[in-house]
Protein backbone atom coordinates (compact mmCIF):
# COMPACT_ATOMS: atom_id res chain seq x y z
CA UNK A 1 -28.66 15.15 -12.34
CA UNK A 2 -27.53 15.73 -15.93
CA UNK A 3 -23.86 15.76 -14.89
CA UNK A 4 -24.24 12.63 -12.76
CA UNK A 5 -26.24 10.98 -15.53
CA UNK A 6 -23.37 11.57 -17.97
CA UNK A 7 -21.13 9.63 -15.57
CA UNK A 8 -23.56 6.71 -15.15
CA UNK A 9 -21.87 4.48 -17.72
CA UNK A 10 -18.51 4.78 -15.96
CA UNK A 11 -19.79 2.16 -13.52
CA UNK A 12 -18.69 4.05 -10.40
CA UNK A 13 -20.44 2.76 -7.24
CA UNK A 14 -22.86 5.23 -5.67
CA UNK A 15 -23.75 7.29 -8.75
CA UNK A 16 -27.17 5.63 -9.09
CA UNK A 17 -28.01 6.50 -5.48
CA UNK A 18 -26.94 10.12 -6.00
CA UNK A 19 -29.09 10.50 -9.13
CA UNK A 20 -32.07 9.04 -7.26
CA UNK A 21 -31.41 11.40 -4.33
CA UNK A 22 -31.61 14.44 -6.59
CA UNK A 23 -34.79 13.19 -8.25
CA UNK A 24 -36.45 12.64 -4.87
CA UNK A 25 -35.26 16.06 -3.62
CA UNK A 26 -36.93 17.71 -6.63
CA UNK A 27 -40.20 15.91 -5.84
CA UNK A 28 -39.90 17.01 -2.19
CA UNK A 29 -39.38 20.66 -3.08
CA UNK A 30 -42.33 20.60 -5.51
CA UNK A 31 -44.50 19.05 -2.79
CA UNK A 32 -43.43 21.76 -0.32
CA UNK A 33 -44.29 24.45 -2.89
CA UNK A 34 -47.86 23.12 -3.15
CA UNK A 35 -48.66 23.98 0.47
CA UNK A 36 -52.11 25.56 0.62
CA UNK A 37 -53.04 24.05 -2.74
CA UNK A 38 -52.90 20.29 -2.05
CA UNK A 39 -53.46 17.74 0.70
CA UNK A 40 -51.33 18.01 3.82
CA UNK A 41 -50.45 14.33 3.36
CA UNK A 42 -48.54 15.44 0.27
CA UNK A 43 -47.28 18.88 1.29
CA UNK A 44 -46.40 18.09 4.93
CA UNK A 45 -45.90 14.36 5.45
CA UNK A 46 -44.71 13.18 2.03
CA UNK A 47 -42.62 16.30 1.38
CA UNK A 48 -40.67 15.99 4.64
CA UNK A 49 -40.22 12.24 4.24
CA UNK A 50 -39.02 12.61 0.64
CA UNK A 51 -36.45 15.23 1.65
CA UNK A 52 -35.23 12.94 4.45
CA UNK A 53 -34.95 10.02 2.00
CA UNK A 54 -33.01 12.20 -0.46
CA UNK A 55 -30.35 12.88 2.16
CA UNK A 56 -30.39 9.22 3.21
CA UNK A 57 -29.73 8.16 -0.40
CA UNK A 58 -26.83 10.61 -0.62
CA UNK A 59 -25.32 8.91 2.43
CA UNK A 60 -26.04 5.46 0.99
CA UNK A 61 -24.30 6.45 -2.24
CA UNK A 62 -21.23 7.58 -0.30
CA UNK A 63 -21.18 4.21 1.49
CA UNK A 64 -21.19 2.43 -1.88
CA UNK A 65 -18.57 4.78 -3.32
CA UNK A 66 -16.22 3.99 -0.43
CA UNK A 67 -16.77 0.25 -0.86
CA UNK A 68 -18.88 -0.31 2.26
CA UNK A 69 -21.28 -3.21 1.89
CA UNK A 70 -23.34 -2.48 5.00
CA UNK A 71 -26.42 -0.29 4.91
CA UNK A 72 -27.08 2.52 7.45
CA UNK A 73 -30.03 0.65 8.98
CA UNK A 74 -30.18 3.08 11.92
CA UNK A 75 -30.81 5.90 9.45
CA UNK A 76 -33.65 3.95 7.80
CA UNK A 77 -35.21 3.43 11.23
CA UNK A 78 -34.86 7.16 11.83
CA UNK A 79 -36.64 7.88 8.54
CA UNK A 80 -39.58 5.76 9.71
CA UNK A 81 -39.62 7.64 13.01
CA UNK A 82 -39.69 10.95 11.11
CA UNK A 83 -42.65 9.74 9.05
CA UNK A 84 -44.59 8.78 12.18
CA UNK A 85 -43.68 12.04 13.94
CA UNK A 86 -44.67 14.25 11.02
CA UNK A 87 -48.00 12.43 10.63
CA UNK A 88 -48.70 12.69 14.38
CA UNK A 89 -47.87 16.41 14.65
CA UNK A 90 -49.82 17.19 11.48
CA UNK A 91 -53.10 15.35 12.08
CA UNK A 92 -53.29 14.12 15.70
CA UNK A 93 -51.69 16.99 17.62
CA UNK A 94 -50.82 19.76 15.14
CA UNK A 95 -47.51 21.35 16.13
CA UNK A 96 -45.31 23.11 13.56
CA UNK A 97 -42.32 23.48 15.89
CA UNK A 98 -42.36 19.77 16.75
CA UNK A 99 -42.35 18.85 13.06
CA UNK A 100 -39.39 21.13 12.41
CA UNK A 101 -37.52 19.79 15.44
CA UNK A 102 -37.87 16.11 14.54
CA UNK A 103 -36.92 16.62 10.89
CA UNK A 104 -33.95 18.86 11.73
CA UNK A 105 -32.70 16.37 14.32
CA UNK A 106 -32.80 13.60 11.72
CA UNK A 107 -31.04 15.72 9.08
CA UNK A 108 -28.38 16.84 11.55
CA UNK A 109 -27.62 13.23 12.48
CA UNK A 110 -27.29 12.17 8.83
CA UNK A 111 -25.05 15.12 8.04
CA UNK A 112 -22.87 14.24 11.03
CA UNK A 113 -22.54 10.63 9.86
CA UNK A 114 -21.76 11.82 6.31
CA UNK A 115 -19.06 14.25 7.54
CA UNK A 116 -17.35 11.57 9.63
CA UNK A 117 -17.67 8.96 6.86
CA UNK A 118 -16.00 11.16 4.24
CA UNK A 119 -13.33 12.40 6.66
CA UNK A 120 -12.31 8.88 7.65
CA UNK A 121 -13.07 7.09 4.39
CA UNK A 122 -10.59 8.87 2.14
CA UNK A 123 -8.10 6.38 0.66
CA UNK A 124 -4.58 7.26 1.79
CA UNK A 125 -3.33 7.47 -1.81
CA UNK A 126 -5.93 10.00 -3.00
CA UNK A 127 -5.94 13.82 -2.76
CA UNK A 128 -7.87 15.19 0.20
CA UNK A 129 -9.75 18.04 -1.46
CA UNK A 130 -12.90 16.37 -2.81
CA UNK A 131 -13.36 14.18 0.29
CA UNK A 132 -12.79 17.05 2.69
CA UNK A 133 -15.01 19.38 0.66
CA UNK A 134 -17.95 17.03 1.13
CA UNK A 135 -17.08 16.48 4.79
CA UNK A 136 -16.95 20.24 5.47
CA UNK A 137 -20.20 20.88 3.59
CA UNK A 138 -21.91 18.13 5.61
CA UNK A 139 -20.50 19.52 8.87
CA UNK A 140 -21.78 23.03 8.07
CA UNK A 141 -25.28 21.77 7.26
CA UNK A 142 -25.17 19.63 10.40
CA UNK A 143 -24.43 22.75 12.47
CA UNK A 144 -27.27 24.61 10.71
CA UNK A 145 -29.80 21.88 11.48
CA UNK A 146 -28.64 21.58 15.10
CA UNK A 147 -29.23 25.33 15.47
CA UNK A 148 -32.65 25.02 13.83
CA UNK A 149 -33.52 22.09 16.08
CA UNK A 150 -32.63 24.12 19.20
CA UNK A 151 -34.40 27.29 18.04
CA UNK A 152 -37.68 25.54 17.23
CA UNK A 153 -37.43 22.88 19.92
CA UNK A 154 -37.25 25.47 22.69
CA UNK A 155 -39.86 27.74 21.12
CA UNK A 156 -37.48 30.63 20.37
CA UNK A 157 -39.37 31.17 17.12
CA UNK A 158 -43.16 31.10 16.93
CA UNK A 159 -44.26 29.96 13.49
CA UNK A 160 -47.27 28.25 11.96
CA UNK A 161 -46.32 27.78 8.31
CA UNK A 162 -43.24 26.69 6.38
CA UNK A 163 -43.61 29.60 3.95
CA UNK A 164 -43.98 32.26 6.62
CA UNK A 165 -41.81 35.28 5.74
CA UNK A 166 -39.60 35.70 8.82
CA UNK A 167 -35.82 36.22 8.78
CA UNK A 168 -34.97 32.93 10.59
CA UNK A 169 -37.38 30.95 8.40
CA UNK A 170 -35.98 32.40 5.17
CA UNK A 171 -32.45 31.57 6.35
CA UNK A 172 -33.42 27.95 7.06
CA UNK A 173 -35.29 27.64 3.76
CA UNK A 174 -32.14 28.78 1.97
CA UNK A 175 -30.19 26.18 3.97
CA UNK A 176 -32.56 23.43 2.82
CA UNK A 177 -32.57 24.54 -0.82
CA UNK A 178 -28.77 24.78 -1.04
CA UNK A 179 -28.12 21.43 0.64
CA UNK A 180 -28.75 19.11 -2.28
CA UNK A 181 -26.82 21.14 -4.91
CA UNK A 182 -23.87 21.55 -2.53
CA UNK A 183 -23.80 17.83 -1.80
CA UNK A 184 -24.10 17.08 -5.52
CA UNK A 185 -21.11 19.29 -6.30
CA UNK A 186 -19.17 17.28 -3.72
CA UNK A 187 -20.12 13.89 -5.12
CA UNK A 188 -19.36 15.00 -8.70
CA UNK A 189 -15.87 15.91 -7.44
CA UNK A 190 -15.60 12.43 -5.92
CA UNK A 191 -16.58 10.81 -9.22
CA UNK A 192 -14.00 12.81 -11.14
CA UNK A 193 -11.35 11.84 -8.58
CA UNK A 194 -12.26 8.18 -9.12
CA UNK A 195 -12.00 8.65 -12.90
CA UNK A 196 -8.60 10.30 -12.44
CA UNK A 197 -7.52 7.36 -10.30
CA UNK A 198 -8.51 4.97 -13.09
CA UNK A 199 -6.51 6.96 -15.63
CA UNK A 200 -3.51 7.01 -13.30
CA UNK A 201 -3.78 3.27 -12.89
CA UNK A 202 -3.95 2.75 -16.66
CA UNK A 203 -0.82 4.87 -17.02
CA UNK A 204 1.12 3.33 -14.13
CA UNK A 205 -0.02 -0.30 -13.91
CA UNK A 206 0.26 -3.00 -16.56
CA UNK A 207 -3.28 -4.22 -17.20
CA UNK A 208 -2.44 -7.89 -17.78
CA UNK A 209 0.00 -8.54 -14.94
CA UNK A 210 -0.84 -5.87 -12.35
CA UNK A 211 2.87 -4.92 -12.18
CA UNK A 212 4.02 -1.34 -12.60
CA UNK A 213 4.29 -0.15 -16.18
CA UNK A 214 7.76 0.51 -17.59
CA UNK A 215 7.24 4.26 -17.32
CA UNK A 216 6.19 4.09 -13.66
CA UNK A 217 8.96 1.60 -12.81
CA UNK A 218 11.65 3.86 -14.29
CA UNK A 219 10.19 6.93 -12.55
CA UNK A 220 10.25 5.20 -9.16
CA UNK A 221 13.72 3.87 -9.94
CA UNK A 222 15.07 7.39 -10.43
CA UNK A 223 13.55 8.44 -7.09
CA UNK A 224 15.10 5.44 -5.30
CA UNK A 225 18.52 6.07 -6.81
CA UNK A 226 18.44 9.74 -5.79
CA UNK A 227 17.41 8.74 -2.28
CA UNK A 228 20.25 6.21 -2.07
CA UNK A 229 22.78 9.00 -2.73
CA UNK A 230 21.44 10.99 0.23
CA UNK A 231 21.25 7.99 2.57
CA UNK A 232 24.42 6.31 1.22
CA UNK A 233 22.57 2.99 1.09
CA UNK A 234 22.88 0.40 -1.70
CA UNK A 235 20.26 -0.23 -4.37
CA UNK A 236 20.21 -3.41 -6.47
CA UNK A 237 18.36 -4.12 -9.70
CA UNK A 238 17.25 -7.50 -11.02
CA UNK A 239 16.07 -7.97 -14.60
CA UNK A 240 13.99 -11.13 -14.99
CA UNK A 241 13.01 -12.92 -18.18
CA UNK A 242 10.74 -15.96 -18.59
CA UNK A 243 12.70 -18.72 -20.32
CA UNK A 244 11.62 -19.86 -23.80
CA UNK A 245 8.48 -17.76 -23.66
CA UNK A 246 8.16 -17.71 -27.46
CA UNK A 247 7.95 -21.52 -27.40
CA UNK A 248 5.09 -21.28 -24.88
CA UNK A 249 3.19 -18.90 -27.15
CA UNK A 250 3.90 -20.99 -30.28
CA UNK A 251 3.12 -24.33 -28.68
CA UNK A 252 0.16 -23.45 -26.48
CA UNK A 253 -1.23 -20.21 -27.89
CA UNK A 254 -1.14 -16.59 -26.79
CA UNK A 255 -4.00 -17.07 -24.32
CA UNK A 256 -1.88 -19.56 -22.36
CA UNK A 257 1.08 -17.21 -22.71
CA UNK A 258 -0.98 -14.44 -21.10
CA UNK A 259 -1.90 -16.81 -18.27
CA UNK A 260 1.78 -17.59 -17.70
CA UNK A 261 2.63 -13.88 -17.62
CA UNK A 262 -0.17 -13.15 -15.17
CA UNK A 263 0.77 -16.12 -12.94
CA UNK A 264 4.46 -15.24 -13.04
CA UNK A 265 3.86 -11.60 -12.07
CA UNK A 266 1.57 -12.55 -9.20
CA UNK A 267 4.05 -15.20 -7.99
CA UNK A 268 7.01 -12.82 -8.03
CA UNK A 269 5.08 -9.98 -6.40
CA UNK A 270 3.82 -12.22 -3.59
CA UNK A 271 7.35 -13.41 -2.78
CA UNK A 272 9.10 -10.03 -2.78
CA UNK A 273 9.68 -8.02 0.38
CA UNK A 274 7.81 -4.93 1.49
CA UNK A 275 9.54 -2.00 -0.20
CA UNK A 276 10.76 -3.89 -3.27
CA UNK A 277 9.53 -2.37 -6.55
CA UNK A 278 8.24 -4.70 -9.28
CA UNK A 279 7.46 -3.67 -12.85
CA UNK A 280 7.01 -5.01 -16.36
CA UNK A 281 9.69 -3.71 -18.71
CA UNK A 282 8.14 -5.20 -21.85
CA UNK A 283 7.01 -8.56 -23.21
CA UNK A 284 8.14 -11.31 -20.82
CA UNK A 285 10.80 -9.11 -19.18
CA UNK A 286 10.34 -7.70 -15.69
CA UNK A 287 12.40 -5.64 -13.28
CA UNK A 288 12.82 -5.62 -9.49
CA UNK A 289 14.40 -2.73 -7.60
CA UNK A 290 15.61 -3.62 -4.11
CA UNK A 291 16.37 -0.57 -1.94
CA UNK A 292 18.92 -0.87 0.89
CA UNK A 293 20.02 -4.19 -0.59
CA UNK A 294 23.32 -5.37 -2.06
CA UNK A 295 23.69 -7.38 -5.25
CA UNK A 296 24.57 -10.52 -3.26
CA UNK A 297 21.41 -10.16 -1.13
CA UNK A 298 19.30 -9.65 -4.23
CA UNK A 299 20.80 -12.76 -5.87
CA UNK A 300 19.90 -14.76 -2.75
CA UNK A 301 16.34 -13.35 -2.75
CA UNK A 302 15.71 -14.18 -6.42
CA UNK A 303 17.33 -17.59 -6.04
CA UNK A 304 14.87 -18.43 -3.25
CA UNK A 305 11.96 -17.32 -5.43
CA UNK A 306 13.29 -19.36 -8.38
CA UNK A 307 13.47 -22.42 -6.13
CA UNK A 308 9.92 -21.90 -4.89
CA UNK A 309 8.59 -21.75 -8.46
CA UNK A 310 10.50 -24.91 -9.37
CA UNK A 311 9.04 -26.68 -6.33
CA UNK A 312 5.44 -25.52 -6.98
CA UNK A 313 2.89 -28.27 -7.62
CA UNK A 314 1.64 -28.55 -11.19
CA UNK A 315 -1.89 -27.77 -10.02
CA UNK A 316 -0.65 -24.35 -8.88
CA UNK A 317 0.69 -23.51 -12.36
CA UNK A 318 -1.35 -22.18 -15.30
CA UNK A 319 -2.72 -25.18 -17.22
CA UNK A 320 -0.21 -27.26 -15.21
CA UNK A 321 2.54 -25.87 -17.45
CA UNK A 322 5.99 -25.73 -15.90
CA UNK A 323 8.18 -22.79 -16.82
CA UNK A 324 11.39 -21.23 -15.53
CA UNK A 325 13.00 -17.81 -15.50
CA UNK A 326 16.48 -16.31 -15.65
CA UNK A 327 17.74 -13.26 -13.76
CA UNK A 328 20.54 -10.73 -14.13
CA UNK A 329 21.48 -8.67 -11.07
CA UNK A 330 23.74 -5.74 -10.33
CA UNK A 331 24.18 -3.06 -7.70
CA UNK A 332 24.10 0.63 -8.35
CA UNK A 333 27.50 2.27 -8.48
CA UNK A 334 28.02 5.69 -6.93
CA UNK A 335 25.92 8.42 -8.55
CA UNK A 336 25.33 6.61 -11.86
CA UNK A 337 22.04 6.91 -13.82
CA UNK A 338 19.49 4.12 -13.85
CA UNK A 339 20.16 3.39 -17.54
CA UNK A 340 23.75 2.29 -16.81
CA UNK A 341 22.64 0.04 -13.97
CA UNK A 342 19.98 -1.52 -16.20
CA UNK A 343 22.54 -2.12 -18.98
CA UNK A 344 24.81 -4.11 -16.65
CA UNK A 345 21.92 -6.11 -15.16
CA UNK A 346 20.69 -6.85 -18.68
CA UNK A 347 24.17 -8.08 -19.58
CA UNK A 348 24.08 -10.42 -16.59
CA UNK A 349 20.66 -11.67 -17.76
CA UNK A 350 22.08 -12.53 -21.20
CA UNK A 351 24.94 -14.36 -19.48
CA UNK A 352 22.41 -16.37 -17.45
CA UNK A 353 20.54 -17.26 -20.64
CA UNK A 354 23.78 -18.29 -22.38
CA UNK A 355 24.75 -20.45 -19.40
CA UNK A 356 21.68 -22.64 -19.76
CA UNK A 357 18.76 -20.54 -18.39
CA UNK A 358 16.85 -21.12 -15.13
CA UNK A 359 19.44 -19.35 -12.99
CA UNK A 360 20.30 -16.08 -11.26
CA UNK A 361 23.59 -14.36 -12.12
CA UNK A 362 25.23 -11.16 -10.91
CA UNK A 363 27.05 -8.88 -13.35
């Protein structure tokens, strides 16, 4: 709880549910420990229901962490059924084995749902370990509760008290005590993976425009160029610059300039093809890498995009402000570094600017 509490301010979905789950599990274990010293409503009914709700909140937190908006309503209905069953087999028709069977069946079902949820819910761009750790832990506890359900449901163990000192009972008590800490280790790993993802995004994605950062763009560019040598396919680079951007900042303010940058990046990204790589090189300058594409094809692509921006209605532009951009394009020559390709494309960009702006030129 202390570790999860230290992560509360990070604003990661699900953490609040996981903290609450641990708090409720502590109350459940204390209630169980009071058997023989307090009312059976507390030590039997409330204790079992609290432990069931703790697991349910762990599942609910995982739903929120994975971005699911729906609630596991079937699990809530099951929790109500457990409450009714425990009360019935405690006061109406006392039956220890029946109580164990109904609670273990409910726990096994929740663990099964949790295992499947974490196995299938892992984002494709994230490492598997933390998601699979939680899925495996849930699957193991599911198997343990299924075994317990069978053993007690078919009367293989005769028992009258939760604290009875028999080998099977001690094993199942250990299972119950270890469950919440093991799950908590798993969710802490998930939270740290989410924090790592945020740091990676800060390093690789420009915060204002959503385009790749210069560092990430150059890194991907090197990979694409190396791949093009192996496949003997062309790679083209376009360097794009918003025309007269300083005049926009001076005449309308930097806030409007930021809006233009954000709009421009979103417009370019939405009109590129799948597989094209878009990044911000600095200021109002952006780059586009087009794998398996010649310089002539890249010129045609950027010319179409330039025409679409020119034809956009004023209501679609930030503050209704019209702006244009210039582009320099070149194609990678055999086995040359990215820096040389960028230098030639940048030269073509300067030529486009000198020729009157609002145009696409090849080196």
